[in-house]
Amino acid sequence: MIPAVLVALLSALLFAIGSVAQQRSASQVSTDDAAGFGLMLALIRKPLWWAGFLGDAGGYVCQAIALGLG
């Protein structure tokens, strides 16, 4: 039971880090780049946005592991 709780807390931490990284990356995009699909194209080019994406993916993996252990 304790490992499931620890992995669930790690999952929450990864989700939080991923959200902060993606929001910080999105806030740095200028309004000129944000027209149409420009926002997504601008974000795809930013390593910080990808770090947030990987944080979210890691959160989902840890959440699945925690549910399996619990």
PDB file of N, CA and C in Angstrom:
ATOM      1  N   MET A   1       0.819  -1.200   0.000  1.00  0.00           N
ATOM      2  CA  MET A   1       0.000   0.000   0.000  1.00  0.00           C
ATOM      3  C   MET A   1       0.861   1.262   0.000  1.00  0.00           C
ATOM      4  N   ILE A   2       1.940   1.246   0.771  1.00  0.00           N
ATOM      5  CA  ILE A   2       2.818   2.416   0.840  1.00  0.00           C
ATOM      6  C   ILE A   2       3.454   2.711  -0.522  1.00  0.00           C
ATOM      7  N   PRO A   3       3.945   1.709  -1.270  1.00  0.00           N
ATOM      8  CA  PRO A   3       4.510   2.028  -2.587  1.00  0.00           C
ATOM      9  C   PRO A   3       3.490   2.681  -3.523  1.00  0.00           C
ATOM     10  N   ALA A   4       2.242   2.260  -3.445  1.00  0.00           N
ATOM     11  CA  ALA A   4       1.206   2.843  -4.300  1.00  0.00           C
ATOM     12  C   ALA A   4       1.019   4.323  -3.976  1.00  0.00           C
ATOM     13  N   VAL A   5       1.055   4.664  -2.711  1.00  0.00           N
ATOM     14  CA  VAL A   5       0.892   6.063  -2.297  1.00  0.00           C
ATOM     15  C   VAL A   5       2.081   6.895  -2.769  1.00  0.00           C
ATOM     16  N   LEU A   6       3.277   6.350  -2.636  1.00  0.00           N
ATOM     17  CA  LEU A   6       4.472   7.078  -3.067  1.00  0.00           C
ATOM     18  C   LEU A   6       4.477   7.308  -4.577  1.00  0.00           C
ATOM     19  N   VAL A   7       4.084   6.304  -5.332  1.00  0.00           N
ATOM     20  CA  VAL A   7       4.035   6.448  -6.793  1.00  0.00           C
ATOM     21  C   VAL A   7       2.923   7.424  -7.185  1.00  0.00           C
ATOM     22  N   ALA A   8       1.822   7.416  -6.461  1.00  0.00           N
ATOM     23  CA  ALA A   8       0.740   8.367  -6.732  1.00  0.00           C
ATOM     24  C   ALA A   8       1.196   9.804  -6.450  1.00  0.00           C
ATOM     25  N   LEU A   9       1.959  10.002  -5.391  1.00  0.00           N
ATOM     26  CA  LEU A   9       2.495  11.336  -5.097  1.00  0.00           C
ATOM     27  C   LEU A   9       3.505  11.769  -6.159  1.00  0.00           C
ATOM     28  N   LEU A  10       4.316  10.841  -6.634  1.00  0.00           N
ATOM     29  CA  LEU A  10       5.237  11.143  -7.722  1.00  0.00           C
ATOM     30  C   LEU A  10       4.475  11.532  -8.979  1.00  0.00           C
ATOM     31  N   SER A  11       3.380  10.850  -9.222  1.00  0.00           N
ATOM     32  CA  SER A  11       2.524  11.174 -10.368  1.00  0.00           C
ATOM     33  C   SER A  11       1.987  12.603 -10.262  1.00  0.00           C
ATOM     34  N   ALA A  12       1.510  12.967  -9.100  1.00  0.00           N
ATOM     35  CA  ALA A  12       0.996  14.326  -8.898  1.00  0.00           C
ATOM     36  C   ALA A  12       2.098  15.360  -9.088  1.00  0.00           C
ATOM     37  N   LEU A  13       3.291  15.072  -8.613  1.00  0.00           N
ATOM     38  CA  LEU A  13       4.417  15.985  -8.782  1.00  0.00           C
ATOM     39  C   LEU A  13       4.770  16.154 -10.261  1.00  0.00           C
ATOM     40  N   LEU A  14       4.783  15.046 -11.003  1.00  0.00           N
ATOM     41  CA  LEU A  14       5.090  15.129 -12.437  1.00  0.00           C
ATOM     42  C   LEU A  14       4.020  15.915 -13.194  1.00  0.00           C
ATOM     43  N   PHE A  15       2.753  15.723 -12.840  1.00  0.00           N
ATOM     44  CA  PHE A  15       1.686  16.502 -13.471  1.00  0.00           C
ATOM     45  C   PHE A  15       1.851  17.996 -13.186  1.00  0.00           C
ATOM     46  N   ALA A  16       2.210  18.325 -11.958  1.00  0.00           N
ATOM     47  CA  ALA A  16       2.388  19.734 -11.594  1.00  0.00           C
ATOM     48  C   ALA A  16       3.566  20.353 -12.343  1.00  0.00           C
ATOM     49  N   ILE A  17       4.679  19.643 -12.390  1.00  0.00           N
ATOM     50  CA  ILE A  17       5.857  20.146 -13.101  1.00  0.00           C
ATOM     51  C   ILE A  17       5.549  20.298 -14.589  1.00  0.00           C
ATOM     52  N   GLY A  18       4.848  19.311 -15.157  1.00  0.00           N
ATOM     53  CA  GLY A  18       4.492  19.387 -16.567  1.00  0.00           C
ATOM     54  C   GLY A  18       3.586  20.561 -16.885  1.00  0.00           C
ATOM     55  N   SER A  19       2.628  20.812 -16.028  1.00  0.00           N
ATOM     56  CA  SER A  19       1.708  21.934 -16.251  1.00  0.00           C
ATOM     57  C   SER A  19       2.428  23.272 -16.168  1.00  0.00           C
ATOM     58  N   VAL A  20       3.285  23.415 -15.185  1.00  0.00           N
ATOM     59  CA  VAL A  20       4.024  24.668 -15.032  1.00  0.00           C
ATOM     60  C   VAL A  20       4.943  24.898 -16.232  1.00  0.00           C
ATOM     61  N   ALA A  21       5.622  23.863 -16.664  1.00  0.00           N
ATOM     62  CA  ALA A  21       6.534  24.005 -17.802  1.00  0.00           C
ATOM     63  C   ALA A  21       5.783  24.378 -19.074  1.00  0.00           C
ATOM     64  N   GLN A  22       4.656  23.737 -19.320  1.00  0.00           N
ATOM     65  CA  GLN A  22       3.898  24.046 -20.528  1.00  0.00           C
ATOM     66  C   GLN A  22       3.285  25.441 -20.465  1.00  0.00           C
ATOM     67  N   GLN A  23       2.784  25.837 -19.328  1.00  0.00           N
ATOM     68  CA  GLN A  23       2.205  27.175 -19.215  1.00  0.00           C
ATOM     69  C   GLN A  23       3.270  28.257 -19.318  1.00  0.00           C
ATOM     70  N   ARG A  24       4.426  28.023 -18.741  1.00  0.00           N
ATOM     71  CA  ARG A  24       5.507  29.002 -18.843  1.00  0.00           C
ATOM     72  C   ARG A  24       5.977  29.128 -20.291  1.00  0.00           C
ATOM     73  N   SER A  25       6.062  28.009 -20.977  1.00  0.00           N
ATOM     74  CA  SER A  25       6.460  28.030 -22.378  1.00  0.00           C
ATOM     75  C   SER A  25       5.426  28.753 -23.232  1.00  0.00           C
ATOM     76  N   ALA A  26       4.154  28.527 -22.973  1.00  0.00           N
ATOM     77  CA  ALA A  26       3.092  29.184 -23.743  1.00  0.00           C
ATOM     78  C   ALA A  26       3.044  30.677 -23.469  1.00  0.00           C
ATOM     79  N   SER A  27       3.393  31.089 -22.268  1.00  0.00           N
ATOM     80  CA  SER A  27       3.349  32.514 -21.950  1.00  0.00           C
ATOM     81  C   SER A  27       4.458  33.296 -22.649  1.00  0.00           C
ATOM     82  N   GLN A  28       5.477  32.614 -23.111  1.00  0.00           N
ATOM     83  CA  GLN A  28       6.590  33.266 -23.788  1.00  0.00           C
ATOM     84  C   GLN A  28       6.359  33.438 -25.285  1.00  0.00           C
ATOM     85  N   VAL A  29       5.265  32.904 -25.810  1.00  0.00           N
ATOM     86  CA  VAL A  29       4.965  33.035 -27.233  1.00  0.00           C
ATOM     87  C   VAL A  29       4.351  34.412 -27.467  1.00  0.00           C
ATOM     88  N   SER A  30       4.849  35.109 -28.470  1.00  0.00           N
ATOM     89  CA  SER A  30       4.315  36.449 -28.754  1.00  0.00           C
ATOM     90  C   SER A  30       2.933  36.339 -29.394  1.00  0.00           C
ATOM     91  N   THR A  31       2.177  37.401 -29.309  1.00  0.00           N
ATOM     92  CA  THR A  31       0.821  37.390 -29.871  1.00  0.00           C
ATOM     93  C   THR A  31       0.845  37.318 -31.389  1.00  0.00           C
ATOM     94  N   ASP A  32       1.934  37.768 -32.017  1.00  0.00           N
ATOM     95  CA  ASP A  32       2.040  37.662 -33.466  1.00  0.00           C
ATOM     96  C   ASP A  32       2.150  36.205 -33.913  1.00  0.00           C
ATOM     97  N   ASP A  33       2.836  35.381 -33.112  1.00  0.00           N
ATOM     98  CA  ASP A  33       2.994  33.967 -33.446  1.00  0.00           C
ATOM     99  C   ASP A  33       1.760  33.145 -33.097  1.00  0.00           C
ATOM    100  N   ALA A  34       0.877  33.683 -32.271  1.00  0.00           N
ATOM    101  CA  ALA A  34      -0.239  32.904 -31.747  1.00  0.00           C
ATOM    102  C   ALA A  34      -1.448  32.878 -32.670  1.00  0.00           C
ATOM    103  N   ALA A  35      -1.389  33.501 -33.835  1.00  0.00           N
ATOM    104  CA  ALA A  35      -2.539  33.522 -34.753  1.00  0.00           C
ATOM    105  C   ALA A  35      -2.665  32.179 -35.464  1.00  0.00           C
ATOM    106  N   GLY A  36      -3.873  31.653 -35.522  1.00  0.00           N
ATOM    107  CA  GLY A  36      -4.127  30.390 -36.224  1.00  0.00           C
ATOM    108  C   GLY A  36      -3.395  29.233 -35.581  1.00  0.00           C
ATOM    109  N   PHE A  37      -2.734  28.439 -36.428  1.00  0.00           N
ATOM    110  CA  PHE A  37      -1.961  27.308 -35.921  1.00  0.00           C
ATOM    111  C   PHE A  37      -0.566  27.728 -35.479  1.00  0.00           C
ATOM    112  N   GLY A  38      -0.273  29.012 -35.524  1.00  0.00           N
ATOM    113  CA  GLY A  38       1.039  29.503 -35.144  1.00  0.00           C
ATOM    114  C   GLY A  38       1.400  29.213 -33.707  1.00  0.00           C
ATOM    115  N   LEU A  39       0.414  29.206 -32.820  1.00  0.00           N
ATOM    116  CA  LEU A  39       0.687  28.919 -31.412  1.00  0.00           C
ATOM    117  C   LEU A  39       1.231  27.507 -31.252  1.00  0.00           C
ATOM    118  N   MET A  40       0.577  26.530 -31.866  1.00  0.00           N
ATOM    119  CA  MET A  40       1.040  25.148 -31.745  1.00  0.00           C
ATOM    120  C   MET A  40       2.411  24.979 -32.384  1.00  0.00           C
ATOM    121  N   LEU A  41       2.612  25.618 -33.531  1.00  0.00           N
ATOM    122  CA  LEU A  41       3.915  25.513 -34.191  1.00  0.00           C
ATOM    123  C   LEU A  41       5.006  26.159 -33.349  1.00  0.00           C
ATOM    124  N   ALA A  42       4.688  27.276 -32.711  1.00  0.00           N
ATOM    125  CA  ALA A  42       5.667  27.933 -31.850  1.00  0.00           C
ATOM    126  C   ALA A  42       5.981  27.076 -30.621  1.00  0.00           C
ATOM    127  N   LEU A  43       4.972  26.420 -30.069  1.00  0.00           N
ATOM    128  CA  LEU A  43       5.192  25.588 -28.883  1.00  0.00           C
ATOM    129  C   LEU A  43       5.986  24.332 -29.208  1.00  0.00           C
ATOM    130  N   ILE A  44       5.738  23.748 -30.363  1.00  0.00           N
ATOM    131  CA  ILE A  44       6.447  22.525 -30.752  1.00  0.00           C
ATOM    132  C   ILE A  44       7.942  22.790 -30.872  1.00  0.00           C
ATOM    133  N   ARG A  45       8.310  24.005 -31.168  1.00  0.00           N
ATOM    134  CA  ARG A  45       9.730  24.353 -31.314  1.00  0.00           C
ATOM    135  C   ARG A  45      10.424  24.637 -29.983  1.00  0.00           C
ATOM    136  N   LYS A  46       9.681  24.656 -28.882  1.00  0.00           N
ATOM    137  CA  LYS A  46      10.268  25.021 -27.583  1.00  0.00           C
ATOM    138  C   LYS A  46      10.579  23.765 -26.756  1.00  0.00           C
ATOM    139  N   PRO A  47      11.836  23.599 -26.351  1.00  0.00           N
ATOM    140  CA  PRO A  47      12.201  22.437 -25.527  1.00  0.00           C
ATOM    141  C   PRO A  47      11.476  22.408 -24.179  1.00  0.00           C
ATOM    142  N   LEU A  48      11.191  23.577 -23.604  1.00  0.00           N
ATOM    143  CA  LEU A  48      10.491  23.616 -22.319  1.00  0.00           C
ATOM    144  C   LEU A  48       9.086  23.031 -22.445  1.00  0.00           C
ATOM    145  N   TRP A  49       8.421  23.280 -23.572  1.00  0.00           N
ATOM    146  CA  TRP A  49       7.094  22.715 -23.782  1.00  0.00           C
ATOM    147  C   TRP A  49       7.178  21.188 -23.862  1.00  0.00           C
ATOM    148  N   TRP A  50       8.216  20.677 -24.534  1.00  0.00           N
ATOM    149  CA  TRP A  50       8.406  19.223 -24.624  1.00  0.00           C
ATOM    150  C   TRP A  50       8.725  18.627 -23.252  1.00  0.00           C
ATOM    151  N   ALA A  51       9.461  19.352 -22.434  1.00  0.00           N
ATOM    152  CA  ALA A  51       9.734  18.874 -21.077  1.00  0.00           C
ATOM    153  C   ALA A  51       8.434  18.756 -20.290  1.00  0.00           C
ATOM    154  N   GLY A  52       7.538  19.725 -20.465  1.00  0.00           N
ATOM    155  CA  GLY A  52       6.232  19.638 -19.822  1.00  0.00           C
ATOM    156  C   GLY A  52       5.414  18.470 -20.344  1.00  0.00           C
ATOM    157  N   PHE A  53       5.496  18.236 -21.642  1.00  0.00           N
ATOM    158  CA  PHE A  53       4.785  17.101 -22.241  1.00  0.00           C
ATOM    159  C   PHE A  53       5.302  15.785 -21.660  1.00  0.00           C
ATOM    160  N   LEU A  54       6.619  15.673 -21.531  1.00  0.00           N
ATOM    161  CA  LEU A  54       7.192  14.451 -20.948  1.00  0.00           C
ATOM    162  C   LEU A  54       6.824  14.320 -19.468  1.00  0.00           C
ATOM    163  N   GLY A  55       6.720  15.440 -18.762  1.00  0.00           N
ATOM    164  CA  GLY A  55       6.269  15.393 -17.371  1.00  0.00           C
ATOM    165  C   GLY A  55       4.849  14.868 -17.261  1.00  0.00           C
ATOM    166  N   ASP A  56       3.987  15.322 -18.162  1.00  0.00           N
ATOM    167  CA  ASP A  56       2.610  14.815 -18.175  1.00  0.00           C
ATOM    168  C   ASP A  56       2.574  13.323 -18.509  1.00  0.00           C
ATOM    169  N   ALA A  57       3.360  12.925 -19.499  1.00  0.00           N
ATOM    170  CA  ALA A  57       3.389  11.511 -19.879  1.00  0.00           C
ATOM    171  C   ALA A  57       3.896  10.654 -18.721  1.00  0.00           C
ATOM    172  N   GLY A  58       4.934  11.125 -18.039  1.00  0.00           N
ATOM    173  CA  GLY A  58       5.430  10.405 -16.867  1.00  0.00           C
ATOM    174  C   GLY A  58       4.404  10.343 -15.750  1.00  0.00           C
ATOM    175  N   GLY A  59       3.611  11.395 -15.617  1.00  0.00           N
ATOM    176  CA  GLY A  59       2.544  11.396 -14.613  1.00  0.00           C
ATOM    177  C   GLY A  59       1.492  10.340 -14.908  1.00  0.00           C
ATOM    178  N   TYR A  60       1.147  10.199 -16.194  1.00  0.00           N
ATOM    179  CA  TYR A  60       0.173   9.172 -16.565  1.00  0.00           C
ATOM    180  C   TYR A  60       0.719   7.769 -16.319  1.00  0.00           C
ATOM    181  N   VAL A  61       1.991   7.568 -16.626  1.00  0.00           N
ATOM    182  CA  VAL A  61       2.597   6.255 -16.394  1.00  0.00           C
ATOM    183  C   VAL A  61       2.627   5.940 -14.903  1.00  0.00           C
ATOM    184  N   CYS A  62       3.044   6.899 -14.092  1.00  0.00           N
ATOM    185  CA  CYS A  62       3.090   6.678 -12.643  1.00  0.00           C
ATOM    186  C   CYS A  62       1.694   6.466 -12.064  1.00  0.00           C
ATOM    187  N   GLN A  63       0.715   7.163 -12.610  1.00  0.00           N
ATOM    188  CA  GLN A  63      -0.655   6.981 -12.142  1.00  0.00           C
ATOM    189  C   GLN A  63      -1.136   5.558 -12.433  1.00  0.00           C
ATOM    190  N   ALA A  64      -0.819   5.053 -13.613  1.00  0.00           N
ATOM    191  CA  ALA A  64      -1.203   3.683 -13.960  1.00  0.00           C
ATOM    192  C   ALA A  64      -0.502   2.665 -13.061  1.00  0.00           C
ATOM    193  N   ILE A  65       0.761   2.904 -12.764  1.00  0.00           N
ATOM    194  CA  ILE A  65       1.495   2.016 -11.867  1.00  0.00           C
ATOM    195  C   ILE A  65       0.894   2.051 -10.464  1.00  0.00           C
ATOM    196  N   ALA A  66       0.571   3.240  -9.980  1.00  0.00           N
ATOM    197  CA  ALA A  66      -0.026   3.360  -8.648  1.00  0.00           C
ATOM    198  C   ALA A  66      -1.360   2.634  -8.576  1.00  0.00           C
ATOM    199  N   LEU A  67      -2.161   2.767  -9.647  1.00  0.00           N
ATOM    200  CA  LEU A  67      -3.445   2.056  -9.640  1.00  0.00           C
ATOM    201  C   LEU A  67      -3.241   0.543  -9.681  1.00  0.00           C
ATOM    202  N   GLY A  68      -2.209   0.100 -10.382  1.00  0.00           N
ATOM    203  CA  GLY A  68      -1.908  -1.330 -10.399  1.00  0.00           C
ATOM    204  C   GLY A  68      -1.431  -1.857  -9.056  1.00  0.00           C
ATOM    205  N   LEU A  69      -0.672  -1.029  -8.342  1.00  0.00           N
ATOM    206  CA  LEU A  69      -0.179  -1.439  -7.023  1.00  0.00           C
ATOM    207  C   LEU A  69      -1.248  -1.357  -5.948  1.00  0.00           C
ATOM    208  N   GLY A  70      -2.193  -0.438  -6.134  1.00  0.00           N
ATOM    209  CA  GLY A  70      -3.198  -0.215  -5.095  1.00  0.00           C
ATOM    210  C   GLY A  70      -4.304  -1.188  -5.214  1.00  0.00           C
TER     211      GLY A  70
END
